[in-house]
Structure formats: structure tokens, C-alpha cells
Protein backbone atom coordinates (compact mmCIF):
# COMPACT_ATOMS: atom_id res chain seq x y z
CA MET A 1 -59.45 -29.71 74.39
CA GLY A 2 -57.82 -26.46 75.10
CA GLU A 3 -54.05 -25.79 76.18
CA ASP A 4 -55.11 -26.31 80.18
CA PHE A 5 -57.02 -29.66 79.94
CA LYS A 6 -54.87 -32.73 80.80
CA LEU A 7 -56.05 -36.16 81.51
CA THR A 8 -57.09 -37.25 84.47
CA GLU A 9 -54.14 -39.53 86.20
CA PHE A 10 -55.82 -42.72 87.43
CA GLU A 11 -53.97 -45.59 88.78
CA ARG A 12 -55.76 -48.32 86.74
CA VAL A 13 -57.55 -47.41 82.99
CA LEU A 14 -59.44 -51.13 81.55
CA ASP A 15 -60.42 -50.66 77.96
CA PHE A 16 -63.48 -53.54 77.33
CA HIS A 17 -62.96 -54.24 73.73
CA THR A 18 -59.97 -54.25 71.66
CA HIS A 19 -59.10 -56.57 68.62
CA VAL A 20 -55.71 -58.15 68.21
CA GLY A 21 -54.77 -60.22 65.27
CA GLU A 22 -55.57 -60.59 61.84
CA GLY A 23 -59.28 -59.56 60.34
CA ARG A 24 -60.48 -59.27 56.84
CA MET A 25 -59.43 -55.87 56.15
CA THR A 26 -57.23 -55.06 59.09
CA SER A 27 -54.84 -56.16 61.70
CA PHE A 28 -53.42 -55.39 65.04
CA SER A 29 -50.71 -56.82 67.21
CA VAL A 30 -50.25 -56.64 70.73
CA SER A 31 -47.32 -54.48 70.42
CA GLN A 32 -49.76 -52.36 68.45
CA LEU A 33 -51.64 -52.40 71.32
CA GLY A 34 -49.71 -51.93 73.47
CA LYS A 35 -48.45 -48.85 72.16
CA ALA A 36 -51.20 -47.39 71.52
CA MET A 37 -52.18 -48.28 75.47
CA SER A 38 -49.32 -46.50 76.66
CA GLU A 39 -50.26 -42.68 74.51
CA SER A 40 -53.83 -43.49 75.73
CA GLY A 41 -52.76 -43.91 79.12
CA VAL A 42 -54.66 -47.60 79.25
CA THR A 43 -53.21 -49.59 81.74
CA ASP A 44 -55.24 -52.99 81.17
CA ALA A 45 -57.00 -54.29 77.64
CA ILE A 46 -59.85 -57.01 77.26
CA ILE A 47 -59.03 -58.61 73.87
CA PHE A 48 -60.02 -60.99 71.61
CA PRO A 49 -59.33 -62.13 67.83
CA PHE A 50 -61.67 -60.28 64.76
CA GLY A 51 -64.90 -61.77 63.63
CA VAL A 52 -64.58 -64.93 61.31
CA GLU A 53 -67.44 -67.82 60.52
CA GLY A 54 -67.14 -70.99 61.67
CA PRO A 55 -64.63 -72.76 64.31
CA ILE A 56 -61.85 -70.55 63.38
CA SER A 57 -63.06 -67.74 65.75
CA GLU A 58 -62.57 -70.52 68.41
CA THR A 59 -58.46 -71.87 67.63
CA LYS A 60 -57.94 -68.14 66.66
CA SER A 61 -59.34 -67.39 70.56
CA LEU A 62 -56.54 -70.32 72.10
CA LYS A 63 -53.97 -69.05 70.15
CA LEU A 64 -54.43 -65.96 71.37
CA VAL A 65 -54.39 -67.34 74.56
CA LYS A 66 -50.95 -68.84 74.33
CA GLU A 67 -49.91 -65.60 72.84
CA VAL A 68 -50.45 -63.45 75.61
CA GLU A 69 -49.62 -65.45 78.35
CA TYR A 70 -47.21 -63.45 79.73
CA PHE A 71 -48.95 -60.80 79.46
CA PRO A 72 -50.64 -59.93 82.87
CA ASN A 73 -52.73 -56.64 82.33
CA LEU A 74 -54.21 -58.78 79.12
CA PHE A 75 -57.64 -60.41 79.53
CA GLN A 76 -58.98 -63.05 76.98
CA PHE A 77 -62.44 -63.39 75.97
CA LEU A 78 -63.67 -66.02 74.04
CA ARG A 79 -65.41 -65.66 70.64
CA PHE A 80 -66.81 -68.54 68.77
CA ASP A 81 -69.82 -68.65 66.14
CA PRO A 82 -72.11 -70.13 67.58
CA LYS A 83 -73.78 -72.44 64.92
CA THR A 84 -70.61 -74.43 65.32
CA MET A 85 -70.41 -74.56 69.16
CA THR A 86 -71.99 -77.20 71.67
CA PRO A 87 -72.86 -76.79 75.24
CA GLU A 88 -69.86 -79.54 76.84
CA ARG A 89 -67.62 -77.77 74.32
CA LEU A 90 -68.25 -74.23 75.62
CA SER A 91 -67.49 -75.76 79.25
CA GLU A 92 -64.60 -76.93 78.84
CA LEU A 93 -63.22 -73.71 76.93
CA LEU A 94 -64.83 -71.16 79.61
CA PRO A 95 -62.61 -71.37 82.20
CA LEU A 96 -59.38 -69.94 80.02
CA PHE A 97 -61.18 -66.75 79.39
CA TYR A 98 -62.91 -63.88 81.41
CA GLY A 99 -65.56 -63.61 79.26
CA VAL A 100 -67.06 -64.21 75.71
CA LYS A 101 -67.74 -61.95 72.64
CA LEU A 102 -70.07 -62.20 70.18
CA HIS A 103 -70.93 -61.00 67.04
CA SER A 104 -74.04 -61.66 65.35
CA LYS A 105 -73.35 -60.54 61.69
CA SER A 106 -69.56 -61.07 61.50
CA GLU A 107 -70.34 -64.75 62.46
CA ASN A 108 -74.15 -64.77 60.87
CA PHE A 109 -76.54 -66.29 63.34
CA ASP A 110 -79.92 -64.90 64.47
CA PRO A 111 -79.14 -63.99 68.90
CA ILE A 112 -82.67 -65.09 69.86
CA ASN A 113 -82.94 -68.32 67.90
CA PRO A 114 -83.89 -71.14 70.48
CA THR A 115 -81.22 -73.35 69.11
CA PHE A 116 -78.30 -70.36 71.42
CA PHE A 117 -80.29 -70.72 74.34
CA PRO A 118 -78.02 -73.27 76.22
CA LEU A 119 -75.10 -71.56 75.09
CA TYR A 120 -75.90 -68.33 77.20
CA ASP A 121 -76.89 -70.48 79.62
CA VAL A 122 -73.58 -71.73 79.86
CA ILE A 123 -72.15 -68.37 79.88
CA ALA A 124 -74.82 -67.30 82.17
CA ASN A 125 -73.76 -70.07 84.73
CA SER A 126 -70.40 -69.28 84.92
CA GLY A 127 -70.84 -65.47 85.95
CA LYS A 128 -68.65 -64.61 83.47
CA PRO A 129 -69.67 -61.41 80.88
CA LEU A 130 -70.97 -61.43 77.83
CA LEU A 131 -69.71 -58.46 75.37
CA PHE A 132 -72.14 -58.44 72.15
CA HIS A 133 -72.04 -56.50 69.30
CA THR A 134 -75.06 -53.94 69.23
CA MET A 135 -75.98 -51.74 65.71
CA VAL A 136 -79.48 -50.57 64.48
CA CYS A 137 -78.65 -49.75 60.68
CA ASN A 138 -79.72 -52.39 58.07
CA TYR A 139 -79.44 -55.34 60.00
CA GLN A 140 -81.98 -56.86 62.66
CA ASN A 141 -79.84 -59.18 64.12
CA THR A 142 -77.55 -56.96 66.01
CA HIS A 143 -80.36 -54.83 67.36
CA PRO A 144 -80.54 -53.83 70.72
CA ASP A 145 -84.07 -54.53 71.42
CA ARG A 146 -82.97 -58.49 69.82
CA ILE A 147 -79.89 -58.61 71.79
CA VAL A 148 -81.28 -57.71 75.41
CA ALA A 149 -84.43 -59.98 74.47
CA ILE A 150 -82.08 -62.79 75.42
CA THR A 151 -82.64 -61.13 78.88
CA ASP A 152 -86.03 -61.81 79.03
CA GLU A 153 -85.34 -65.69 79.27
CA ILE A 154 -82.21 -65.46 81.02
CA PRO A 155 -82.31 -62.87 83.50
CA ASP A 156 -79.07 -63.63 85.39
CA LEU A 157 -76.86 -63.42 82.03
CA VAL A 158 -74.17 -60.67 82.69
CA LEU A 159 -74.99 -58.78 79.22
CA VAL A 160 -72.47 -55.69 77.85
CA LEU A 161 -74.08 -53.93 74.89
CA ALA A 162 -71.29 -52.95 73.03
CA HIS A 163 -71.05 -49.61 70.97
CA PHE A 164 -72.96 -47.78 74.48
CA CYS A 165 -76.05 -50.02 72.89
CA ASP A 166 -76.05 -47.91 69.42
CA CYS A 167 -77.38 -44.61 71.53
CA PHE A 168 -80.76 -46.42 71.13
CA PRO A 169 -83.74 -44.72 72.16
CA GLY A 170 -86.20 -45.82 74.93
CA LEU A 171 -83.76 -48.74 75.70
CA LEU A 172 -82.63 -47.35 79.04
CA ASP A 173 -85.56 -47.44 80.12
CA LYS A 174 -85.82 -50.84 79.19
CA ILE A 175 -82.82 -52.13 81.32
CA LYS A 176 -82.65 -50.04 83.92
CA THR A 177 -84.11 -52.17 86.07
CA ASN A 178 -81.69 -55.36 84.96
CA ASP A 179 -78.74 -55.11 87.55
CA ASN A 180 -77.14 -57.73 84.85
CA ILE A 181 -76.91 -55.63 81.63
CA TYR A 182 -74.31 -53.23 81.06
CA LEU A 183 -73.34 -50.26 78.14
CA GLU A 184 -69.95 -50.72 76.72
CA THR A 185 -68.74 -46.89 75.57
CA SER A 186 -66.63 -47.43 72.22
CA LEU A 187 -66.95 -46.58 68.57
CA GLY A 188 -68.41 -43.25 68.71
CA ARG A 189 -71.45 -44.21 69.51
CA SER A 190 -70.99 -42.50 72.62
CA SER A 191 -70.23 -38.82 73.70
CA PRO A 192 -69.92 -37.06 76.64
CA TYR A 193 -73.94 -36.02 76.98
CA SER A 194 -74.96 -38.95 76.53
CA ILE A 195 -72.93 -41.32 79.12
CA CYS A 196 -74.16 -38.12 80.87
CA SER A 197 -77.20 -39.07 80.01
CA ALA A 198 -77.05 -43.10 80.65
CA VAL A 199 -75.52 -42.14 83.93
CA ASP A 200 -78.54 -40.14 85.13
CA LYS A 201 -80.66 -43.10 83.80
CA ILE A 202 -79.07 -45.89 85.10
CA GLY A 203 -76.13 -44.82 87.12
CA GLU A 204 -72.19 -45.01 86.29
CA ASP A 205 -72.03 -48.82 88.08
CA ARG A 206 -72.99 -50.31 84.32
CA ILE A 207 -71.30 -48.27 82.39
CA LEU A 208 -67.74 -49.80 80.90
CA PHE A 209 -64.87 -47.69 79.11
CA GLY A 210 -64.45 -49.34 75.85
CA SER A 211 -62.33 -48.46 72.46
CA ASP A 212 -63.27 -50.92 70.29
CA ALA A 213 -59.41 -50.66 68.76
CA PRO A 214 -58.27 -50.76 66.25
CA TYR A 215 -60.98 -49.21 64.92
CA GLY A 216 -62.04 -46.97 67.65
CA ASP A 217 -58.35 -44.46 68.74
CA GLN A 218 -58.19 -45.15 72.84
CA LEU A 219 -57.33 -42.21 72.92
CA ILE A 220 -60.04 -40.37 71.18
CA GLU A 221 -63.18 -43.24 73.36
CA ARG A 222 -61.34 -42.22 76.55
CA LEU A 223 -61.65 -38.36 75.70
CA ASN A 224 -65.35 -39.43 75.58
CA VAL A 225 -65.30 -40.10 79.37
CA GLU A 226 -62.88 -37.46 80.29
CA ARG A 227 -64.73 -34.56 79.08
CA THR A 228 -68.05 -35.58 80.88
CA LYS A 229 -68.90 -33.55 84.34
CA LEU A 230 -68.74 -36.16 85.92
CA SER A 231 -66.86 -36.63 89.39
CA TYR A 232 -63.72 -38.08 89.66
CA LYS A 233 -65.04 -41.41 91.65
CA GLN A 234 -67.82 -41.37 88.95
CA LYS A 235 -65.41 -41.95 86.19
CA GLU A 236 -62.92 -44.36 88.27
CA LYS A 237 -65.82 -46.88 87.84
CA ILE A 238 -66.08 -46.44 83.87
CA LEU A 239 -62.69 -46.44 83.45
CA TYR A 240 -61.48 -48.85 85.62
CA ARG A 241 -63.46 -50.16 88.50
CA ASN A 242 -66.78 -51.64 87.35
CA ALA A 243 -64.94 -53.94 84.34
CA ALA A 244 -62.61 -55.39 87.19
CA ARG A 245 -65.52 -56.28 89.41
CA LEU A 246 -67.37 -57.92 86.43
CA LEU A 247 -63.85 -59.52 85.45
CA GLY A 248 -63.20 -60.59 89.72
CA LEU A 249 -59.73 -58.52 90.40
């Protein structure tokens, strides 16, 4: 970074993508997250459980709500398996959460199966964001084009594409006219160059800083934003203000 490089001072920085609890191959406690946040200058974070198939994801989400009840800087997202969720149950649960996280590989479902569109309708009607895992390689159900296709049927859905839509060529042209589609920067799928390119295409108002902690390092992921040539105000939007607007903070 160079001896003269220092992190920009912002009043608040919000990480839009972190996991807490026990996963298949790792774990990450609230205290470990807090330590990582302190080291990277992150003041706030969206949290949700690691993914598994079946109703246990819902159970883990509800347990996490109670666990972080007295942490006002942690904002819980609901994680669930669409194959075991009903619109009625989702309507009951959503008021407890700031948004939803879905991962069509971990929970093993086709995101554009019409069976799941009533669930997306419930989320859209709530006005809360849906953070969706995206990845191009070797698994069609996580392909960004497939995820974005949801908004063809439900344009009011606030959709956040995790991992910077896997930097998939041509997708920015497709989403630039839908103000409800956002990009989240986590886990090596973005760079200072690609973030600036996205800002040139869709503006800075629809880009959200995320780390995918513990899989991604919060400080390294933050540096992807910090090392851009963007202005202070543009970085501030990406690191906090855009997320605060979506969450109603």
C-alpha cells in the first residue's frame, strides 16, 4: 500500500455480507466478527447464518436474531430454503429482519422456478432487499443472468447481486436501467478498476461494500473501494450511505 497510504476516515462503514455461526467447513462467532470489524474500520454489518438445505436455515436465522438483540450495529437478514418456505410463513417472519439472503447452490434450488415467485413477491412487497449469491462457474443456478431474470417478472424487487455479479461481461448494460438492482463487492470478484468501471456504467448509488466474512477479509475487501480513484462522497456512498438507504437507517 505504501507508507503514506491510510484508510479514509468515514463516520460509518457497513459491510453488506457477513456470516455468523457454524457452517459446514468453518465457523465465525459474533465476537470474531467484532474483532474483524475493529481491525478494518467497519462499524456496521449485515449478518446471516451459513447456508444449509431445509428448515434449519430459518431456525438458525431466528436464533441469530436473539443472539444479537443487543448489538445495534448488526442487522439480521433472513436465510431460508425456498423449497421449505411458504409465502404465508415468510410474511410472518420478514418483520423480524432487515432483508433476505438466498444462495441457490447451498440450498440447491433453481431461482427461476415459478414455484418460488410468490416468495419473491412477498419480499418485493415488503420493500426489503434480497441479497442473492451469484457465480458463473460450473453451476447454472447461480449464474447472474439467471438471477437477474427474476426481475423480468418482478421489477419492483430490490435485488442485490453478491460477489459483484461475478464480474460477468455485459450484465452492467442489462441492469443499468433498473434502479432496483444493486451490486455488492465481496470476495475477490471486484477490484478498484472494476468498481470504477461499474460506477461509469450505472453510477455509484447502486454499489454496496461487502466482504463475505469470514471467507473474505474485511480490510482487504474494503481496500478494493479505498484504492479506487473515486471521490470521497462516492466512496462514502459505497461504504455506507447506499446500504443505509436500503435498510432505512
